[in-house]
Each structure stands twice: as structure tokens, then as C-alpha cells.
N, C-alpha and C. Protein backbone atom coordinates (compact mmCIF):
# COMPACT_ATOMS: atom_id res chain seq x y z
N MET A 1 39.25 53.81 157.99
CA MET A 1 38.66 53.57 156.94
C MET A 1 37.27 52.75 156.89
N SER A 2 35.96 53.10 156.46
CA SER A 2 35.06 52.49 156.95
C SER A 2 34.79 51.22 155.66
N GLN A 3 34.16 50.28 155.79
CA GLN A 3 33.38 49.21 155.14
C GLN A 3 32.94 49.77 153.71
N ASP A 4 33.37 50.61 153.62
CA ASP A 4 32.60 51.12 151.77
C ASP A 4 33.06 50.76 150.88
N ALA A 5 32.93 51.61 149.86
CA ALA A 5 33.59 50.96 148.57
C ALA A 5 34.94 50.78 148.53
N PRO A 6 35.58 51.65 148.98
CA PRO A 6 37.42 51.38 149.14
C PRO A 6 37.85 50.36 149.48
N TYR A 7 37.09 50.02 150.61
CA TYR A 7 37.39 48.56 151.45
C TYR A 7 37.54 47.50 150.74
N ALA A 8 37.09 47.11 149.51
CA ALA A 8 37.16 46.23 148.76
C ALA A 8 38.64 46.36 147.76
N GLY A 9 39.18 47.60 147.71
CA GLY A 9 40.35 47.57 147.16
C GLY A 9 41.44 47.42 147.95
N VAL A 10 41.03 47.63 149.38
CA VAL A 10 42.08 47.33 150.24
C VAL A 10 42.18 46.17 150.59
N ARG A 11 41.29 45.57 150.57
CA ARG A 11 41.01 43.83 150.76
C ARG A 11 42.02 43.27 149.81
N VAL A 12 41.60 43.28 148.33
CA VAL A 12 42.57 43.08 147.15
C VAL A 12 43.96 43.54 147.43
N LEU A 13 44.12 44.59 148.03
CA LEU A 13 45.94 44.94 148.04
C LEU A 13 46.47 44.11 149.36
N ASP A 14 45.49 43.47 149.84
CA ASP A 14 46.01 43.00 151.35
C ASP A 14 46.48 43.97 152.25
N LEU A 15 45.98 45.20 152.28
CA LEU A 15 46.15 46.19 152.96
C LEU A 15 45.37 46.60 154.05
N THR A 16 44.58 45.28 154.50
CA THR A 16 43.25 45.28 155.39
C THR A 16 43.93 45.94 156.78
N THR A 17 45.11 45.83 157.01
CA THR A 17 45.42 46.89 158.23
C THR A 17 45.19 48.43 158.21
N LEU A 18 45.20 48.86 157.19
CA LEU A 18 44.80 50.36 156.95
C LEU A 18 43.47 50.65 157.22
N VAL A 19 42.80 49.79 157.49
CA VAL A 19 41.44 49.57 158.12
C VAL A 19 41.12 50.44 159.68
N ALA A 20 42.02 49.68 160.47
CA ALA A 20 42.29 50.02 161.95
C ALA A 20 43.24 51.13 162.31
N ASP A 21 43.90 51.66 160.96
CA ASP A 21 44.65 52.94 161.22
C ASP A 21 44.04 54.02 161.23
N ALA A 22 43.86 55.02 162.39
CA ALA A 22 43.27 56.21 162.81
C ALA A 22 43.99 56.94 161.60
N ARG A 23 44.73 57.13 161.21
CA ARG A 23 45.16 58.29 160.22
C ARG A 23 44.36 57.83 159.17
N PHE A 24 43.10 56.79 158.43
CA PHE A 24 42.86 56.74 157.56
C PHE A 24 41.10 56.26 157.71
N ALA A 25 40.92 56.63 158.86
CA ALA A 25 39.68 56.53 159.34
C ALA A 25 38.38 57.45 158.24
N SER A 26 38.71 58.31 158.22
CA SER A 26 37.45 59.16 157.13
C SER A 26 38.39 59.43 155.96
N PHE A 27 37.20 59.80 155.31
CA PHE A 27 37.89 60.76 153.98
C PHE A 27 38.44 62.00 154.27
N ALA A 28 38.18 62.46 155.20
CA ALA A 28 38.92 63.94 155.77
C ALA A 28 40.39 63.18 156.21
N ASP A 29 40.21 62.10 157.02
CA ASP A 29 41.75 61.89 157.80
C ASP A 29 42.50 61.31 156.41
N ARG A 30 41.83 60.64 155.89
CA ARG A 30 42.96 60.20 154.45
C ARG A 30 43.55 61.57 153.80
N ALA A 31 42.73 62.44 153.50
CA ALA A 31 43.32 63.68 152.83
C ALA A 31 43.94 64.40 153.61
N ARG A 32 44.39 64.17 155.18
CA ARG A 32 45.29 64.66 156.11
C ARG A 32 46.50 63.95 155.93
N HIS A 33 46.58 62.90 155.38
CA HIS A 33 47.37 61.99 155.65
C HIS A 33 47.91 61.38 154.36
N HIS A 34 47.44 62.60 153.46
CA HIS A 34 47.63 61.59 151.79
C HIS A 34 48.90 61.35 151.63
N GLU A 35 50.10 61.97 152.04
CA GLU A 35 51.06 61.59 151.77
C GLU A 35 51.53 60.42 152.24
N ALA A 36 51.21 59.55 153.56
CA ALA A 36 51.38 58.69 154.21
C ALA A 36 50.91 57.53 153.52
N LEU A 37 49.81 57.92 153.08
CA LEU A 37 48.86 56.75 152.03
C LEU A 37 49.32 56.60 150.96
N VAL A 38 49.71 57.29 149.98
CA VAL A 38 50.24 57.40 149.01
C VAL A 38 51.76 56.61 149.17
N ARG A 39 52.62 56.98 149.69
CA ARG A 39 53.64 55.87 150.07
C ARG A 39 53.74 54.46 150.20
N ILE A 40 52.24 54.18 151.32
CA ILE A 40 51.84 52.71 151.41
C ILE A 40 51.25 52.15 150.24
N LEU A 41 50.31 52.88 149.35
CA LEU A 41 50.07 52.25 148.33
C LEU A 41 50.83 52.32 147.20
N SER A 42 51.48 52.74 146.97
CA SER A 42 53.06 52.93 145.96
C SER A 42 53.55 51.78 146.06
N ALA A 43 54.32 51.84 147.24
CA ALA A 43 54.96 50.54 147.34
C ALA A 43 54.40 48.99 147.62
N LYS A 44 53.17 49.03 147.60
CA LYS A 44 52.62 47.79 147.53
C LYS A 44 52.10 47.71 145.98
N LEU A 45 51.71 48.83 145.43
CA LEU A 45 51.26 48.60 143.83
C LEU A 45 52.48 48.24 142.96
N LEU A 46 53.68 48.50 143.54
CA LEU A 46 55.05 48.35 142.84
C LEU A 46 55.48 46.67 142.83
N GLU A 47 54.69 45.82 143.61
CA GLU A 47 55.05 44.57 143.82
C GLU A 47 54.23 43.69 142.76
N ARG A 48 53.67 44.28 141.69
CA ARG A 48 52.79 43.65 140.53
C ARG A 48 52.94 44.15 139.59
N GLY A 49 52.88 43.73 138.55
CA GLY A 49 52.58 44.47 137.16
C GLY A 49 51.27 45.41 137.31
N THR A 50 51.09 46.44 136.36
CA THR A 50 49.52 46.87 136.00
C THR A 50 48.66 45.87 135.54
N ASP A 51 49.05 45.00 134.34
CA ASP A 51 47.95 44.05 134.04
C ASP A 51 47.68 43.13 135.27
N GLU A 52 48.19 42.54 136.24
CA GLU A 52 48.28 41.84 137.17
C GLU A 52 47.09 42.39 138.10
N TRP A 53 47.79 43.57 138.44
CA TRP A 53 46.71 44.11 139.70
C TRP A 53 45.07 44.58 138.92
N ARG A 54 45.05 45.11 137.51
CA ARG A 54 44.07 45.21 137.05
C ARG A 54 43.23 44.03 136.78
N ALA A 55 43.69 43.00 136.93
CA ALA A 55 43.06 41.92 136.77
C ALA A 55 42.78 41.26 138.04
N LEU A 56 43.29 41.46 139.00
CA LEU A 56 43.00 41.27 140.54
C LEU A 56 41.77 41.90 141.02
N LEU A 57 41.84 43.38 140.36
CA LEU A 57 40.89 44.14 140.97
C LEU A 57 39.69 43.77 140.37
N LEU A 58 39.57 43.70 139.03
CA LEU A 58 38.50 43.78 138.37
C LEU A 58 37.73 42.42 138.76
N VAL A 59 38.26 41.28 139.02
CA VAL A 59 37.61 39.95 139.38
C VAL A 59 36.88 40.14 140.62
N ASN A 60 37.84 41.19 141.34
CA ASN A 60 36.89 41.50 143.09
C ASN A 60 35.89 42.50 142.82
N ASP A 61 35.33 43.01 141.51
CA ASP A 61 34.50 44.02 141.50
C ASP A 61 35.36 45.59 142.04
N VAL A 62 36.31 45.73 141.69
CA VAL A 62 36.58 46.91 141.95
C VAL A 62 37.03 47.52 140.81
N LEU A 63 36.46 48.91 140.49
CA LEU A 63 36.79 49.44 139.42
C LEU A 63 38.49 49.95 139.30
N ALA A 64 38.69 49.13 138.02
CA ALA A 64 40.67 49.46 137.96
C ALA A 64 40.58 49.43 136.72
N GLU A 65 41.33 50.36 136.00
CA GLU A 65 41.62 50.83 134.40
C GLU A 65 43.23 51.61 134.72
N ARG A 66 43.92 51.42 133.55
CA ARG A 66 44.84 52.00 133.18
C ARG A 66 44.54 53.42 133.21
N ILE A 67 45.19 54.06 133.78
CA ILE A 67 45.24 55.81 133.96
C ILE A 67 46.52 56.43 133.52
N TYR A 68 46.85 57.65 133.22
CA TYR A 68 47.88 58.31 132.56
C TYR A 68 48.00 59.42 133.72
N SER A 69 46.96 59.98 133.87
CA SER A 69 47.08 61.12 134.59
C SER A 69 45.96 60.91 135.93
N HIS A 70 46.74 61.31 137.28
CA HIS A 70 45.77 61.66 138.62
C HIS A 70 44.59 62.62 138.39
N ALA A 71 44.81 63.52 137.66
CA ALA A 71 44.28 64.78 137.25
C ALA A 71 42.87 64.50 136.56
N VAL A 72 43.15 63.37 135.82
CA VAL A 72 41.92 63.26 134.33
C VAL A 72 41.43 61.70 134.72
N TRP A 73 41.50 60.99 135.64
CA TRP A 73 41.19 59.62 135.90
C TRP A 73 39.84 59.50 135.56
N HIS A 74 38.67 60.70 136.31
CA HIS A 74 37.58 60.36 136.30
C HIS A 74 37.04 60.80 134.94
N THR A 75 37.47 60.66 133.83
CA THR A 75 36.98 61.31 132.51
C THR A 75 37.46 59.98 131.75
N GLU A 76 37.97 58.95 132.10
CA GLU A 76 38.55 57.85 131.54
C GLU A 76 37.19 57.31 131.02
N ASP A 77 36.92 56.68 129.78
CA ASP A 77 35.83 56.25 129.45
C ASP A 77 35.05 54.81 130.20
N ALA A 78 36.04 53.83 130.67
CA ALA A 78 35.57 52.79 131.38
C ALA A 78 34.98 53.20 132.94
N VAL A 79 35.59 54.75 133.69
CA VAL A 79 34.95 55.27 134.61
C VAL A 79 33.86 55.94 134.30
N THR A 80 33.43 56.92 133.23
CA THR A 80 32.31 57.50 132.89
C THR A 80 31.54 56.37 132.95
N ALA A 81 31.39 55.36 132.01
CA ALA A 81 30.79 54.11 131.44
C ALA A 81 30.17 53.52 132.75
N SER A 82 30.85 53.38 133.47
CA SER A 82 30.35 52.64 134.63
C SER A 82 29.44 53.64 135.61
N ARG A 83 29.80 54.63 135.71
CA ARG A 83 28.96 55.93 136.71
C ARG A 83 29.42 55.24 138.19
N ARG A 84 30.12 55.11 138.30
CA ARG A 84 30.95 54.57 140.17
C ARG A 84 31.79 55.70 140.25
N ALA A 85 31.71 56.99 139.77
CA ALA A 85 32.59 58.03 139.72
C ALA A 85 32.18 59.28 139.38
N SER A 86 31.96 60.18 140.48
CA SER A 86 31.47 61.49 139.83
C SER A 86 32.65 62.48 139.86
N ARG A 87 32.55 63.69 139.55
CA ARG A 87 33.76 64.69 139.38
C ARG A 87 32.96 65.80 140.33
N LYS A 88 33.29 66.03 141.59
CA LYS A 88 32.75 67.51 142.15
C LYS A 88 33.88 68.33 142.18
N ARG A 89 33.32 69.63 141.89
CA ARG A 89 34.14 70.73 142.50
C ARG A 89 34.75 71.07 143.72
N SER A 90 35.54 71.38 143.89
CA SER A 90 36.39 71.60 145.12
C SER A 90 36.86 73.39 144.75
N SER A 91 37.36 73.64 146.31
CA SER A 91 37.86 74.98 146.07
C SER A 91 39.24 74.93 145.32
N ARG A 92 39.66 73.76 145.21
CA ARG A 92 40.99 73.58 144.33
C ARG A 92 40.78 73.82 142.89
N ASP A 93 39.48 73.60 142.61
CA ASP A 93 39.59 73.61 141.12
C ASP A 93 39.50 74.95 140.58
N GLY A 94 39.40 75.95 141.36
CA GLY A 94 39.57 77.51 140.68
C GLY A 94 38.45 78.36 140.42
């Protein structure tokens, strides 16, 4: 995992050990090891409530908002207003 935008979230979550983990070195690596990454992130996120995580992430300039579906997170008002995420079509989009 490089020191790009996702790194700030990793730091706030106190998961900086992921930076040195070869499974998560690139976007492609993270995609290949998606299930492991989701397990790690899910376990960490269960340590605090949504409001506490949201406040902690926002104060550290990490885009954070309640979402109700991973499939549509990029359409949430806060995300589109920030212009910090874009939706790119993939072969999975059909």
C-alpha cells in the first residue's frame, strides 16, 4: 500500500502494518486479496461505533459518510459533492 489517499485512512484506523504487507502493495494486490482485507478492516471497524469512526476520519481529512450499500457509495451526496471519488465502469458493470 503506497502513501496515497488510502494511507490516511489506514493511519487513522491504526492499521499501518498493512502498508508493509505485500498482499496490499497495489490496487491489483488489494483486489486479489479482497477477502483478507475486508476481514481485517471489518474487525477493526467493529471496535467503535459509526459516529465515532466518522468523526475521527473526518477530522483527519478522510472522506467518511454513512453508506447503506457498498454498490452505491459513490452516489451519496457527500461523496459526489466532494469530487473526491469517481465511478469508473469495469467489465463487471455489464
